[in-house]
Amino acid sequence: MLTAVYKSKKKADTFLFVEKRDDFDKVPEPLMAMFGQPLYVMIINLAKREHLGGSDLEAVKGALSDQGYYLQLPPPEQNLLSQLRKENGVDSD
């Protein structure tokens, strides 16, 4: 299963996987507006991969089959101050 990968100019560490290069017909217009002008990164063969760096491989394959695209968002940012406070017993759960 080949997929084209694009990164967003507007959102850091945000990637869009589509079935065919430069074919965004199945991607909803509001999502494309949020994503901005897609910057081509690469084409990858998902069938030959065992895992992906930032997403679950099976979730990507499923989304591509079901809806024709997959949006990879960056992990949520850690609140380092909150984490430090918990480690030092300042905040309780």
N, C-alpha and C. Protein backbone atom coordinates (compact mmCIF):
# COMPACT_ATOMS: atom_id res chain seq x y z
N MET A 1 0.84 -1.17 0.00
CA MET A 1 0.00 0.00 0.00
C MET A 1 0.90 1.24 0.00
N LEU A 2 0.89 1.96 -1.10
CA LEU A 2 1.67 3.18 -1.21
C LEU A 2 0.87 4.36 -0.67
N THR A 3 1.56 5.29 -0.03
CA THR A 3 0.92 6.50 0.46
C THR A 3 1.88 7.68 0.31
N ALA A 4 1.32 8.82 -0.02
CA ALA A 4 2.12 10.05 -0.11
C ALA A 4 1.99 10.80 1.21
N VAL A 5 3.11 11.33 1.68
CA VAL A 5 3.15 12.02 2.97
C VAL A 5 3.49 13.49 2.73
N TYR A 6 2.73 14.36 3.40
CA TYR A 6 2.92 15.80 3.30
C TYR A 6 3.03 16.38 4.70
N LYS A 7 3.80 17.45 4.84
CA LYS A 7 3.85 18.15 6.13
C LYS A 7 3.16 19.49 5.99
N SER A 8 2.71 20.00 7.11
CA SER A 8 1.99 21.26 7.15
C SER A 8 2.95 22.43 7.33
N LYS A 9 2.68 23.52 6.62
CA LYS A 9 3.43 24.76 6.82
C LYS A 9 2.92 25.49 8.06
N LYS A 10 1.65 25.29 8.37
CA LYS A 10 1.02 26.04 9.45
C LYS A 10 1.19 25.38 10.82
N LYS A 11 1.20 24.06 10.86
CA LYS A 11 1.22 23.33 12.13
C LYS A 11 2.48 22.48 12.22
N ALA A 12 3.31 22.76 13.18
CA ALA A 12 4.56 22.02 13.35
C ALA A 12 4.29 20.55 13.65
N ASP A 13 5.10 19.69 13.10
CA ASP A 13 5.04 18.24 13.33
C ASP A 13 3.68 17.63 13.00
N THR A 14 3.00 18.20 12.01
CA THR A 14 1.70 17.69 11.56
C THR A 14 1.86 17.19 10.13
N PHE A 15 1.41 15.93 9.91
CA PHE A 15 1.59 15.30 8.61
C PHE A 15 0.27 14.76 8.10
N LEU A 16 0.12 14.76 6.78
CA LEU A 16 -1.08 14.25 6.12
C LEU A 16 -0.66 13.14 5.17
N PHE A 17 -1.28 11.97 5.33
CA PHE A 17 -1.04 10.82 4.46
C PHE A 17 -2.24 10.71 3.52
N VAL A 18 -1.98 10.61 2.23
CA VAL A 18 -3.05 10.44 1.24
C VAL A 18 -2.72 9.26 0.33
N GLU A 19 -3.74 8.72 -0.31
CA GLU A 19 -3.56 7.53 -1.14
C GLU A 19 -2.71 7.77 -2.39
N LYS A 20 -2.88 8.93 -3.00
CA LYS A 20 -2.15 9.24 -4.23
C LYS A 20 -1.50 10.60 -4.10
N ARG A 21 -0.34 10.74 -4.69
CA ARG A 21 0.39 12.02 -4.63
C ARG A 21 -0.44 13.15 -5.23
N ASP A 22 -0.53 14.23 -4.51
CA ASP A 22 -1.23 15.46 -4.93
C ASP A 22 -2.73 15.27 -5.12
N ASP A 23 -3.31 14.22 -4.53
CA ASP A 23 -4.76 14.00 -4.63
C ASP A 23 -5.37 14.22 -3.24
N PHE A 24 -5.96 15.39 -3.05
CA PHE A 24 -6.55 15.77 -1.76
C PHE A 24 -8.07 15.81 -1.83
N ASP A 25 -8.66 15.17 -2.83
CA ASP A 25 -10.11 15.20 -3.03
C ASP A 25 -10.88 14.63 -1.84
N LYS A 26 -10.33 13.64 -1.15
CA LYS A 26 -11.04 13.00 -0.04
C LYS A 26 -10.81 13.71 1.30
N VAL A 27 -9.92 14.67 1.32
CA VAL A 27 -9.63 15.40 2.56
C VAL A 27 -10.64 16.54 2.69
N PRO A 28 -11.36 16.62 3.83
CA PRO A 28 -12.36 17.68 4.01
C PRO A 28 -11.73 19.08 3.89
N GLU A 29 -12.48 19.99 3.30
CA GLU A 29 -12.00 21.35 3.07
C GLU A 29 -11.58 22.06 4.36
N PRO A 30 -12.35 21.94 5.47
CA PRO A 30 -11.90 22.60 6.72
C PRO A 30 -10.54 22.07 7.20
N LEU A 31 -10.30 20.79 7.00
CA LEU A 31 -9.00 20.22 7.38
C LEU A 31 -7.89 20.78 6.51
N MET A 32 -8.14 20.89 5.22
CA MET A 32 -7.13 21.45 4.31
C MET A 32 -6.86 22.92 4.66
N ALA A 33 -7.88 23.65 5.06
CA ALA A 33 -7.69 25.05 5.44
C ALA A 33 -6.82 25.15 6.70
N MET A 34 -7.05 24.27 7.66
CA MET A 34 -6.25 24.25 8.88
C MET A 34 -4.82 23.80 8.58
N PHE A 35 -4.69 22.82 7.70
CA PHE A 35 -3.38 22.23 7.38
C PHE A 35 -2.52 23.20 6.59
N GLY A 36 -3.14 23.97 5.72
CA GLY A 36 -2.39 24.91 4.87
C GLY A 36 -1.87 24.22 3.62
N GLN A 37 -1.01 24.91 2.90
CA GLN A 37 -0.43 24.37 1.67
C GLN A 37 0.43 23.16 2.01
N PRO A 38 0.07 21.96 1.53
CA PRO A 38 0.85 20.76 1.84
C PRO A 38 2.23 20.79 1.19
N LEU A 39 3.23 20.41 1.95
CA LEU A 39 4.59 20.30 1.43
C LEU A 39 4.93 18.82 1.30
N TYR A 40 5.18 18.38 0.07
CA TYR A 40 5.47 16.97 -0.19
C TYR A 40 6.74 16.54 0.56
N VAL A 41 6.64 15.37 1.22
CA VAL A 41 7.78 14.82 1.95
C VAL A 41 8.30 13.58 1.25
N MET A 42 7.42 12.58 1.04
CA MET A 42 7.85 11.32 0.44
C MET A 42 6.66 10.41 0.14
N ILE A 43 6.96 9.36 -0.62
CA ILE A 43 6.02 8.26 -0.80
C ILE A 43 6.61 7.06 -0.07
N ILE A 44 5.76 6.40 0.72
CA ILE A 44 6.23 5.21 1.43
C ILE A 44 5.29 4.05 1.15
N ASN A 45 5.85 2.85 1.21
CA ASN A 45 5.08 1.63 1.03
C ASN A 45 4.77 1.08 2.42
N LEU A 46 3.53 1.24 2.84
CA LEU A 46 3.13 0.79 4.18
C LEU A 46 3.18 -0.73 4.32
N ALA A 47 3.04 -1.45 3.21
CA ALA A 47 3.06 -2.91 3.26
C ALA A 47 4.43 -3.45 3.66
N LYS A 48 5.46 -2.68 3.42
CA LYS A 48 6.81 -3.12 3.73
C LYS A 48 7.33 -2.57 5.06
N ARG A 49 6.47 -1.91 5.82
CA ARG A 49 6.88 -1.31 7.09
C ARG A 49 6.32 -2.12 8.25
N GLU A 50 7.07 -2.16 9.31
CA GLU A 50 6.60 -2.82 10.53
C GLU A 50 6.04 -1.81 11.52
N HIS A 51 6.49 -0.55 11.41
CA HIS A 51 6.01 0.50 12.28
C HIS A 51 6.30 1.87 11.65
N LEU A 52 5.62 2.87 12.17
CA LEU A 52 5.86 4.25 11.76
C LEU A 52 6.32 5.03 12.99
N GLY A 53 7.09 6.05 12.76
CA GLY A 53 7.65 6.82 13.87
C GLY A 53 6.62 7.44 14.78
N GLY A 54 5.65 8.16 14.24
CA GLY A 54 4.73 8.92 15.08
C GLY A 54 3.31 8.43 15.13
N SER A 55 2.98 7.36 14.41
CA SER A 55 1.60 6.87 14.37
C SER A 55 1.56 5.36 14.37
N ASP A 56 0.41 4.84 14.75
CA ASP A 56 0.19 3.40 14.71
C ASP A 56 -0.03 2.98 13.25
N LEU A 57 0.77 2.05 12.78
CA LEU A 57 0.73 1.63 11.38
C LEU A 57 -0.65 1.15 10.97
N GLU A 58 -1.28 0.34 11.81
CA GLU A 58 -2.61 -0.20 11.47
C GLU A 58 -3.66 0.90 11.44
N ALA A 59 -3.53 1.90 12.30
CA ALA A 59 -4.47 3.03 12.28
C ALA A 59 -4.33 3.83 10.98
N VAL A 60 -3.10 4.00 10.53
CA VAL A 60 -2.86 4.72 9.27
C VAL A 60 -3.47 3.95 8.11
N LYS A 61 -3.19 2.65 8.04
CA LYS A 61 -3.75 1.82 6.97
C LYS A 61 -5.28 1.83 6.99
N GLY A 62 -5.85 1.72 8.18
CA GLY A 62 -7.31 1.72 8.31
C GLY A 62 -7.93 3.03 7.86
N ALA A 63 -7.34 4.13 8.27
CA ALA A 63 -7.86 5.44 7.89
C ALA A 63 -7.74 5.66 6.38
N LEU A 64 -6.64 5.24 5.80
CA LEU A 64 -6.47 5.38 4.35
C LEU A 64 -7.52 4.56 3.60
N SER A 65 -7.78 3.35 4.07
CA SER A 65 -8.78 2.49 3.43
C SER A 65 -10.19 3.04 3.61
N ASP A 66 -10.50 3.53 4.82
CA ASP A 66 -11.86 3.97 5.13
C ASP A 66 -12.19 5.36 4.61
N GLN A 67 -11.26 6.30 4.78
CA GLN A 67 -11.58 7.68 4.43
C GLN A 67 -10.67 8.30 3.38
N GLY A 68 -9.58 7.61 3.02
CA GLY A 68 -8.70 8.10 1.97
C GLY A 68 -7.59 9.02 2.42
N TYR A 69 -7.49 9.28 3.74
CA TYR A 69 -6.42 10.12 4.27
C TYR A 69 -6.21 9.79 5.75
N TYR A 70 -5.08 10.22 6.27
CA TYR A 70 -4.79 10.09 7.69
C TYR A 70 -4.04 11.34 8.13
N LEU A 71 -4.46 11.94 9.23
CA LEU A 71 -3.81 13.12 9.77
C LEU A 71 -3.01 12.72 11.00
N GLN A 72 -1.70 12.98 10.96
CA GLN A 72 -0.83 12.68 12.10
C GLN A 72 -0.54 13.99 12.83
N LEU A 73 -0.99 14.07 14.07
CA LEU A 73 -0.76 15.26 14.89
C LEU A 73 0.40 15.02 15.84
N PRO A 74 1.07 16.08 16.27
CA PRO A 74 2.17 15.91 17.22
C PRO A 74 1.63 15.49 18.58
N PRO A 75 2.44 14.82 19.38
CA PRO A 75 1.99 14.46 20.73
C PRO A 75 1.75 15.74 21.54
N PRO A 76 0.86 15.67 22.53
CA PRO A 76 0.61 16.87 23.34
C PRO A 76 1.88 17.28 24.10
N GLU A 77 2.03 18.58 24.27
CA GLU A 77 3.19 19.09 24.99
C GLU A 77 3.06 18.77 26.48
N GLN A 78 4.18 18.43 27.09
CA GLN A 78 4.19 18.17 28.51
C GLN A 78 4.24 19.49 29.26
N ASN A 79 3.54 19.53 30.37
CA ASN A 79 3.64 20.68 31.26
C ASN A 79 4.75 20.35 32.24
N LEU A 80 5.96 20.82 31.95
CA LEU A 80 7.13 20.47 32.75
C LEU A 80 7.06 21.04 34.17
N LEU A 81 6.47 22.20 34.32
CA LEU A 81 6.33 22.78 35.66
C LEU A 81 5.42 21.91 36.52
N SER A 82 4.30 21.49 35.96
CA SER A 82 3.38 20.62 36.70
C SER A 82 4.04 19.30 37.05
N GLN A 83 4.78 18.74 36.12
CA GLN A 83 5.47 17.47 36.36
C GLN A 83 6.50 17.63 37.49
N LEU A 84 7.26 18.70 37.48
CA LEU A 84 8.26 18.96 38.51
C LEU A 84 7.60 19.16 39.87
N ARG A 85 6.49 19.87 39.88
CA ARG A 85 5.78 20.08 41.15
C ARG A 85 5.28 18.77 41.73
N LYS A 86 4.76 17.89 40.89
CA LYS A 86 4.31 16.57 41.36
C LYS A 86 5.46 15.74 41.90
N GLU A 87 6.60 15.76 41.18
CA GLU A 87 7.76 15.01 41.60
C GLU A 87 8.30 15.49 42.95
N ASN A 88 8.09 16.77 43.25
CA ASN A 88 8.59 17.34 44.49
C ASN A 88 7.52 17.40 45.58
N GLY A 89 6.36 16.79 45.31
CA GLY A 89 5.31 16.72 46.33
C GLY A 89 4.55 18.00 46.54
N VAL A 90 4.67 18.96 45.66
CA VAL A 90 3.97 20.22 45.82
C VAL A 90 2.50 20.08 45.43
N ASP A 91 2.23 19.35 44.37
CA ASP A 91 0.86 19.09 43.92
C ASP A 91 0.49 17.67 44.29
N SER A 92 -0.76 17.48 44.64
CA SER A 92 -1.24 16.11 44.93
C SER A 92 -2.29 15.75 43.91
N ASP A 93 -2.45 14.46 43.68
CA ASP A 93 -3.43 13.98 42.67
C ASP A 93 -4.83 14.04 43.17
